[in-house]
Amino acid sequence: MNILEKHNQVAAVGFLDVNVNPRLDLFAEIERLKAEKNAIILAHYYQDSDIQDIADYIGDSLGLAQFAEKTQADMILFAGVHFMAETAKILNPTKKVLLPDLNAGCSLSDSCPPEDFTAFKAQYPDHKVVSYVNCSAGIKALSDVICTSSNAEFIVNSFPKEQPLIFAPDKNLGRYISLKTGRDMVLWNGSCMVHEVFSHKRIVELKLRYPQAEIIAHPECEAHILEMANFIGSTTALLKYAVKSTCDTFIVVTESGILHQMQKDAPHKHFIPAPSNGTCACNSCPHMKLNTLEKIYIALKYETPEITMPEDIRLKALQPIQRMLEISAAAGL
């Protein structure tokens, strides 16, 4: 298969569809390719457990951005979703950034098209824009500063109280940060498909079955879910809280991939994934789960699909990301 054929196939299906020998030791082959190409694998907590176990760094969006900014690798394979790989490329223009499947998108990012947001922003000319990192490079380029769920409160508080703000694209995180900071922000009407479908009724039923359990939740959840929580925090904050808490049973209200690290870090504790409104006993992100060991192996071997973007967009998006990293460093995050 030549380069043009590879490009056309990736463009058509989002990944290079190549047969992999089922006898191949993918763990060993991925390690070999990483060493051969001076590549690293960055993985989000919501990836499958096997992918988390082969990653050079596992984290939430803030940690991943901070690690990507400092890496000396020549190639970054991002086991996550598209906006995360874009962020790594924005911070590393000279490095090759790969995403195993270009279809690994994000419902929250997709809910905020740059063209629509440009018109929305024009209605509030005196407002500064704080955008959650779960957005496209185009939205980042229209923002004054980026935030993550780990640092959103610090980022919002970095603006003078009299400065009006737009918060995009997650209305649930925006509403939560408004309550925490006392800021009446204008919210874009976006949300995460994973964190919007947790079942209040089924979580209550779980709490009745496990009355000693603490409910820990991500702030992307809806308000009526957060009202039930004993602790609210970013993915990393949830992990740290669960490990340090004296409680030994937790109902975890976020994407179920985080339970792998929780169980590794606190093997003596019991972690129960919060159920959705559907038939599944947990809640999994279908975009995150598009990445597989086979696709990671193929991406490293053939160095595709590669993340690219226009340089003018990259430079505009870089400024608000750098401001976020500076504020986070000053706050000790």
Protein backbone atom coordinates (compact mmCIF):
# COMPACT_ATOMS: atom_id res chain seq x y z
CA MET A 1 0.00 0.00 0.00
CA ASN A 2 1.54 3.33 -1.08
CA ILE A 3 1.25 6.67 0.74
CA LEU A 4 -1.64 7.92 -1.41
CA GLU A 5 -3.61 4.72 -0.86
CA LYS A 6 -3.03 4.99 2.89
CA HIS A 7 -4.19 8.60 2.89
CA ASN A 8 -7.33 7.81 0.90
CA GLN A 9 -8.26 4.90 3.15
CA VAL A 10 -7.80 6.93 6.32
CA ALA A 11 -9.85 9.75 4.82
CA ALA A 12 -12.63 7.29 3.98
CA VAL A 13 -12.92 5.35 7.26
CA GLY A 14 -10.97 7.36 9.85
CA PHE A 15 -8.23 4.78 10.40
CA LEU A 16 -5.95 2.53 8.39
CA ASP A 17 -7.79 -0.78 8.02
CA VAL A 18 -4.97 -3.32 7.86
CA ASN A 19 -5.18 -6.96 8.88
CA VAL A 20 -3.13 -7.72 11.99
CA ASN A 21 -1.77 -11.22 12.58
CA PRO A 22 -3.79 -12.55 15.55
CA ARG A 23 -0.65 -14.30 16.84
CA LEU A 24 1.22 -11.02 17.08
CA ASP A 25 2.17 -9.92 20.60
CA LEU A 26 0.74 -6.42 20.35
CA PHE A 27 2.15 -5.32 23.70
CA ALA A 28 5.69 -6.25 22.64
CA GLU A 29 5.30 -4.83 19.13
CA ILE A 30 3.96 -1.51 20.41
CA GLU A 31 6.92 -1.23 22.81
CA ARG A 32 9.32 -2.02 19.95
CA LEU A 33 7.80 0.62 17.68
CA LYS A 34 7.83 3.21 20.46
CA ALA A 35 11.56 2.66 21.01
CA GLU A 36 12.32 2.57 17.29
CA LYS A 37 10.50 5.85 16.55
CA ASN A 38 11.09 7.71 19.83
CA ALA A 39 7.32 7.73 20.32
CA ILE A 40 5.20 8.02 23.44
CA ILE A 41 1.61 7.04 24.12
CA LEU A 42 -0.58 9.44 26.06
CA ALA A 43 -3.86 7.97 27.27
CA HIS A 44 -6.93 9.37 28.96
CA TYR A 45 -8.44 7.64 31.98
CA TYR A 46 -11.48 6.74 29.87
CA GLN A 47 -9.56 4.36 27.60
CA ASP A 48 -9.82 0.57 27.86
CA SER A 49 -7.65 -0.95 30.58
CA ASP A 50 -5.15 -2.55 28.15
CA ILE A 51 -4.49 0.83 26.55
CA GLN A 52 -4.05 2.49 29.94
CA ASP A 53 -1.52 -0.20 30.84
CA ILE A 54 0.70 0.45 27.79
CA ALA A 55 0.60 4.25 28.09
CA ASP A 56 3.65 6.30 29.04
CA TYR A 57 1.36 8.77 30.76
CA ILE A 58 -2.27 8.47 31.87
CA GLY A 59 -4.22 11.50 32.96
CA ASP A 60 -7.08 13.93 32.58
CA SER A 61 -7.10 16.79 30.10
CA LEU A 62 -4.95 19.14 32.21
CA GLY A 63 -2.31 16.54 32.99
CA LEU A 64 -2.20 15.37 29.38
CA ALA A 65 -1.74 18.93 28.09
CA GLN A 66 1.01 19.59 30.63
CA PHE A 67 2.81 16.36 29.73
CA ALA A 68 2.45 16.96 25.98
CA GLU A 69 3.99 20.41 26.36
CA LYS A 70 7.15 18.99 27.99
CA THR A 71 7.76 15.76 26.07
CA GLN A 72 11.02 15.21 24.20
CA ALA A 73 9.54 12.48 22.02
CA ASP A 74 9.53 12.84 18.24
CA MET A 75 6.09 11.25 17.92
CA ILE A 76 3.01 11.43 20.16
CA LEU A 77 0.27 8.83 19.83
CA PHE A 78 -2.81 10.08 21.62
CA ALA A 79 -5.12 7.38 22.93
CA GLY A 80 -8.07 9.65 23.52
CA VAL A 81 -10.36 11.72 21.35
CA HIS A 82 -9.77 14.22 18.57
CA PHE A 83 -9.68 17.47 20.57
CA MET A 84 -7.02 15.98 22.87
CA ALA A 85 -4.75 15.06 19.97
CA GLU A 86 -5.36 18.52 18.49
CA THR A 87 -4.25 20.11 21.76
CA ALA A 88 -1.04 18.06 21.68
CA LYS A 89 -0.38 19.22 18.10
CA ILE A 90 -1.07 22.86 19.01
CA LEU A 91 1.60 22.58 21.70
CA ASN A 92 4.01 20.53 19.54
CA PRO A 93 3.96 21.83 15.95
CA THR A 94 7.21 20.08 14.97
CA LYS A 95 6.21 16.67 16.32
CA LYS A 96 4.10 14.06 14.57
CA VAL A 97 0.85 13.56 16.49
CA LEU A 98 -1.21 10.45 15.77
CA LEU A 99 -4.77 9.52 16.68
CA PRO A 100 -5.53 5.80 16.12
CA ASP A 101 -9.04 6.54 14.82
CA LEU A 102 -10.06 9.97 13.51
CA ASN A 103 -13.68 9.07 14.28
CA ALA A 104 -12.87 9.26 18.00
CA GLY A 105 -14.64 12.58 18.39
CA CYS A 106 -16.52 14.23 21.24
CA SER A 107 -20.21 15.04 21.49
CA LEU A 108 -19.40 18.12 23.59
CA SER A 109 -16.91 19.45 21.05
CA ASP A 110 -19.31 18.69 18.20
CA SER A 111 -22.05 20.67 19.96
CA CYS A 112 -20.12 23.92 19.43
CA PRO A 113 -19.29 24.59 15.75
CA PRO A 114 -16.91 27.57 15.32
CA GLU A 115 -19.22 29.31 12.85
CA ASP A 116 -22.15 29.23 15.27
CA PHE A 117 -19.99 30.22 18.20
CA THR A 118 -18.59 33.19 16.30
CA ALA A 119 -22.14 34.54 15.90
CA PHE A 120 -22.93 33.78 19.55
CA LYS A 121 -19.79 35.55 20.74
CA ALA A 122 -20.65 38.64 18.65
CA GLN A 123 -23.78 39.14 20.78
CA TYR A 124 -21.56 39.80 23.83
CA PRO A 125 -18.76 42.07 22.60
CA ASP A 126 -17.62 43.09 26.10
CA HIS A 127 -17.30 39.47 27.34
CA LYS A 128 -14.12 37.41 27.58
CA VAL A 129 -14.36 33.76 26.55
CA VAL A 130 -13.39 30.88 28.82
CA SER A 131 -13.60 27.63 26.86
CA TYR A 132 -13.46 24.15 28.30
CA VAL A 133 -10.65 22.14 26.70
CA ASN A 134 -13.28 19.73 25.29
CA CYS A 135 -13.63 21.82 22.13
CA SER A 136 -12.11 22.04 18.67
CA ALA A 137 -9.01 24.01 17.70
CA GLY A 138 -11.39 26.44 15.99
CA ILE A 139 -13.17 27.22 19.28
CA LYS A 140 -9.86 27.48 21.14
CA ALA A 141 -8.77 30.05 18.54
CA LEU A 142 -11.86 32.14 19.42
CA SER A 143 -11.18 31.97 23.18
CA ASP A 144 -9.30 34.15 25.65
CA VAL A 145 -8.30 31.26 27.89
CA ILE A 146 -8.86 27.50 28.02
CA CYS A 147 -9.76 25.57 31.17
CA THR A 148 -10.19 21.97 32.28
CA SER A 149 -12.41 20.58 34.99
CA SER A 150 -9.30 20.52 37.21
CA ASN A 151 -8.58 24.24 36.94
CA ALA A 152 -11.83 25.89 35.78
CA GLU A 153 -12.47 27.59 39.12
CA PHE A 154 -8.94 29.07 39.17
CA ILE A 155 -9.22 30.19 35.54
CA VAL A 156 -12.56 31.94 36.07
CA ASN A 157 -11.29 33.60 39.26
CA SER A 158 -8.25 34.91 37.38
CA PHE A 159 -10.53 37.51 35.77
CA PRO A 160 -11.63 40.62 37.69
CA LYS A 161 -15.12 40.25 39.19
CA GLU A 162 -16.43 43.05 36.98
CA GLN A 163 -15.30 41.29 33.78
CA PRO A 164 -18.30 39.55 32.12
CA LEU A 165 -17.56 36.06 30.85
CA ILE A 166 -18.83 33.56 28.31
CA PHE A 167 -18.26 29.92 29.30
CA ALA A 168 -18.30 27.33 26.51
CA PRO A 169 -19.14 24.71 25.49
CA ASP A 170 -20.30 22.72 28.56
CA LYS A 171 -23.36 24.22 30.26
CA ASN A 172 -23.21 21.75 33.17
CA LEU A 173 -19.59 22.50 34.06
CA GLY A 174 -20.29 26.19 33.46
CA ARG A 175 -23.28 26.14 35.82
CA TYR A 176 -21.25 24.34 38.49
CA ILE A 177 -18.35 26.82 38.22
CA SER A 178 -20.82 29.73 38.34
CA LEU A 179 -22.09 28.42 41.68
CA LYS A 180 -18.55 27.88 42.98
CA THR A 181 -17.31 31.34 41.98
CA GLY A 182 -20.48 33.41 42.26
CA ARG A 183 -20.02 34.53 38.63
CA ASP A 184 -23.09 34.97 36.43
CA MET A 185 -21.55 33.68 33.21
CA VAL A 186 -23.19 33.40 29.81
CA LEU A 187 -23.27 29.69 28.99
CA TRP A 188 -23.15 28.01 25.61
CA ASN A 189 -25.78 25.27 25.46
CA GLY A 190 -23.53 22.22 25.07
CA SER A 191 -23.14 18.98 27.02
CA CYS A 192 -21.35 15.63 27.14
CA MET A 193 -23.42 12.65 26.01
CA VAL A 194 -21.80 10.41 28.63
CA HIS A 195 -22.41 12.69 31.61
CA GLU A 196 -25.94 13.66 30.55
CA VAL A 197 -27.45 10.18 30.69
CA PHE A 198 -26.78 9.05 34.26
CA SER A 199 -29.96 7.77 35.87
CA HIS A 200 -30.95 9.57 39.08
CA LYS A 201 -33.37 6.77 39.94
CA ARG A 202 -30.82 3.99 39.48
CA ILE A 203 -28.14 5.84 41.46
CA VAL A 204 -30.63 6.25 44.32
CA GLU A 205 -31.31 2.51 44.13
CA LEU A 206 -27.57 1.81 44.31
CA LYS A 207 -27.25 4.08 47.34
CA LEU A 208 -30.03 2.16 49.06
CA ARG A 209 -28.18 -1.11 48.36
CA TYR A 210 -24.86 0.36 49.53
CA PRO A 211 -25.81 2.94 52.19
CA GLN A 212 -22.19 3.24 53.32
CA ALA A 213 -21.03 4.20 49.82
CA GLU A 214 -19.96 7.72 48.88
CA ILE A 215 -21.18 9.15 45.58
CA ILE A 216 -18.38 10.89 43.65
CA ALA A 217 -19.22 12.74 40.43
CA HIS A 218 -17.68 14.69 37.58
CA PRO A 219 -18.92 18.30 37.21
CA GLU A 220 -20.00 17.63 33.61
CA CYS A 221 -23.00 15.83 35.14
CA GLU A 222 -26.40 17.50 35.36
CA ALA A 223 -27.26 19.54 38.46
CA HIS A 224 -29.71 17.00 39.92
CA ILE A 225 -26.96 14.36 39.81
CA LEU A 226 -24.35 16.64 41.40
CA GLU A 227 -26.76 17.43 44.24
CA MET A 228 -26.49 13.77 45.32
CA ALA A 229 -22.68 13.72 45.38
CA ASN A 230 -20.46 13.57 48.45
CA PHE A 231 -17.58 14.83 46.31
CA ILE A 232 -17.43 16.59 42.92
CA GLY A 233 -14.21 16.85 40.93
CA SER A 234 -12.24 16.27 37.77
CA THR A 235 -11.27 12.75 36.79
CA THR A 236 -7.93 13.07 38.56
CA ALA A 237 -9.57 14.65 41.61
CA LEU A 238 -12.06 11.76 41.80
CA LEU A 239 -9.20 9.27 41.66
CA LYS A 240 -7.20 11.03 44.38
CA TYR A 241 -10.26 11.43 46.60
CA ALA A 242 -11.20 7.76 46.31
CA VAL A 243 -7.69 6.65 47.23
CA LYS A 244 -7.37 8.98 50.25
CA SER A 245 -10.92 8.73 51.62
CA THR A 246 -11.57 6.58 54.68
CA CYS A 247 -14.65 5.25 52.89
CA ASP A 248 -14.21 1.85 51.22
CA THR A 249 -17.14 1.87 48.77
CA PHE A 250 -17.83 4.42 46.04
CA ILE A 251 -20.53 4.97 43.42
CA VAL A 252 -18.52 6.57 40.61
CA VAL A 253 -20.50 8.96 38.40
CA THR A 254 -18.29 9.46 35.37
CA GLU A 255 -17.09 7.39 32.42
CA SER A 256 -16.38 3.86 33.61
CA GLY A 257 -12.80 3.71 32.29
CA ILE A 258 -11.54 5.49 35.42
CA LEU A 259 -12.44 2.47 37.55
CA HIS A 260 -9.37 0.62 36.21
CA GLN A 261 -6.98 3.14 37.80
CA MET A 262 -9.08 3.41 40.93
CA GLN A 263 -8.93 -0.34 41.44
CA LYS A 264 -5.16 -0.40 40.76
CA ASP A 265 -4.48 2.44 43.21
CA ALA A 266 -6.88 1.19 45.91
CA PRO A 267 -7.30 -2.59 45.37
CA HIS A 268 -8.93 -3.10 48.77
CA LYS A 269 -11.81 -0.73 47.95
CA HIS A 270 -15.07 -1.31 46.08
CA PHE A 271 -15.88 0.90 43.07
CA ILE A 272 -19.35 0.77 41.53
CA PRO A 273 -19.94 2.41 38.14
CA ALA A 274 -23.03 4.60 38.12
CA PRO A 275 -25.62 3.34 35.61
CA SER A 276 -27.13 5.29 32.75
CA ASN A 277 -30.77 5.48 31.70
CA GLY A 278 -30.14 2.57 29.32
CA THR A 279 -29.79 -1.15 29.98
CA CYS A 280 -26.04 -1.12 30.71
CA ALA A 281 -24.84 -1.25 34.32
CA CYS A 282 -22.20 1.41 33.59
CA ASN A 283 -21.67 4.38 31.30
CA SER A 284 -19.02 4.20 28.58
CA CYS A 285 -17.94 6.77 25.97
CA PRO A 286 -18.31 5.21 22.51
CA HIS A 287 -15.80 7.67 21.03
CA MET A 288 -13.07 6.85 23.54
CA LYS A 289 -13.62 3.16 22.99
CA LEU A 290 -12.96 3.41 19.23
CA ASN A 291 -9.26 3.21 20.06
CA THR A 292 -7.92 -0.35 20.26
CA LEU A 293 -4.53 -2.01 20.67
CA GLU A 294 -4.68 -3.07 17.02
CA LYS A 295 -5.29 0.49 15.83
CA ILE A 296 -2.50 1.80 18.06
CA TYR A 297 -0.09 -0.75 16.59
CA ILE A 298 -1.11 0.12 13.03
CA ALA A 299 -0.92 3.87 13.68
CA LEU A 300 2.60 3.57 15.10
CA LYS A 301 3.75 1.26 12.31
CA TYR A 302 2.43 3.35 9.41
CA GLU A 303 2.49 6.75 11.20
CA THR A 304 -1.09 7.56 10.33
CA PRO A 305 -3.72 9.01 10.93
CA GLU A 306 -1.78 12.21 11.62
CA ILE A 307 -3.31 15.34 13.18
CA THR A 308 -2.77 18.49 11.13
CA MET A 309 -4.31 21.97 11.10
CA PRO A 310 -3.77 25.36 9.46
CA GLU A 311 -0.90 27.25 11.10
CA ASP A 312 -2.96 30.41 11.65
CA ILE A 313 -5.56 28.42 13.63
CA ARG A 314 -2.82 26.66 15.61
CA LEU A 315 -1.18 29.93 16.60
CA LYS A 316 -4.48 31.51 17.66
CA ALA A 317 -5.41 28.40 19.66
CA LEU A 318 -1.97 28.24 21.26
CA GLN A 319 -2.30 31.55 23.12
CA PRO A 320 -5.31 30.63 25.33
CA ILE A 321 -3.81 27.19 26.04
CA GLN A 322 -0.54 28.75 27.14
CA ARG A 323 -2.43 31.16 29.37
CA MET A 324 -4.21 28.21 30.99
CA LEU A 325 -0.91 26.43 31.60
CA GLU A 326 0.63 29.59 33.11
CA ILE A 327 -2.33 30.15 35.47
CA SER A 328 -2.32 26.47 36.45
CA ALA A 329 1.41 26.55 37.19
CA ALA A 330 1.02 29.70 39.30
CA ALA A 331 -1.80 27.99 41.25
CA GLY A 332 0.33 24.90 41.82
CA LEU A 333 -1.93 22.64 39.78
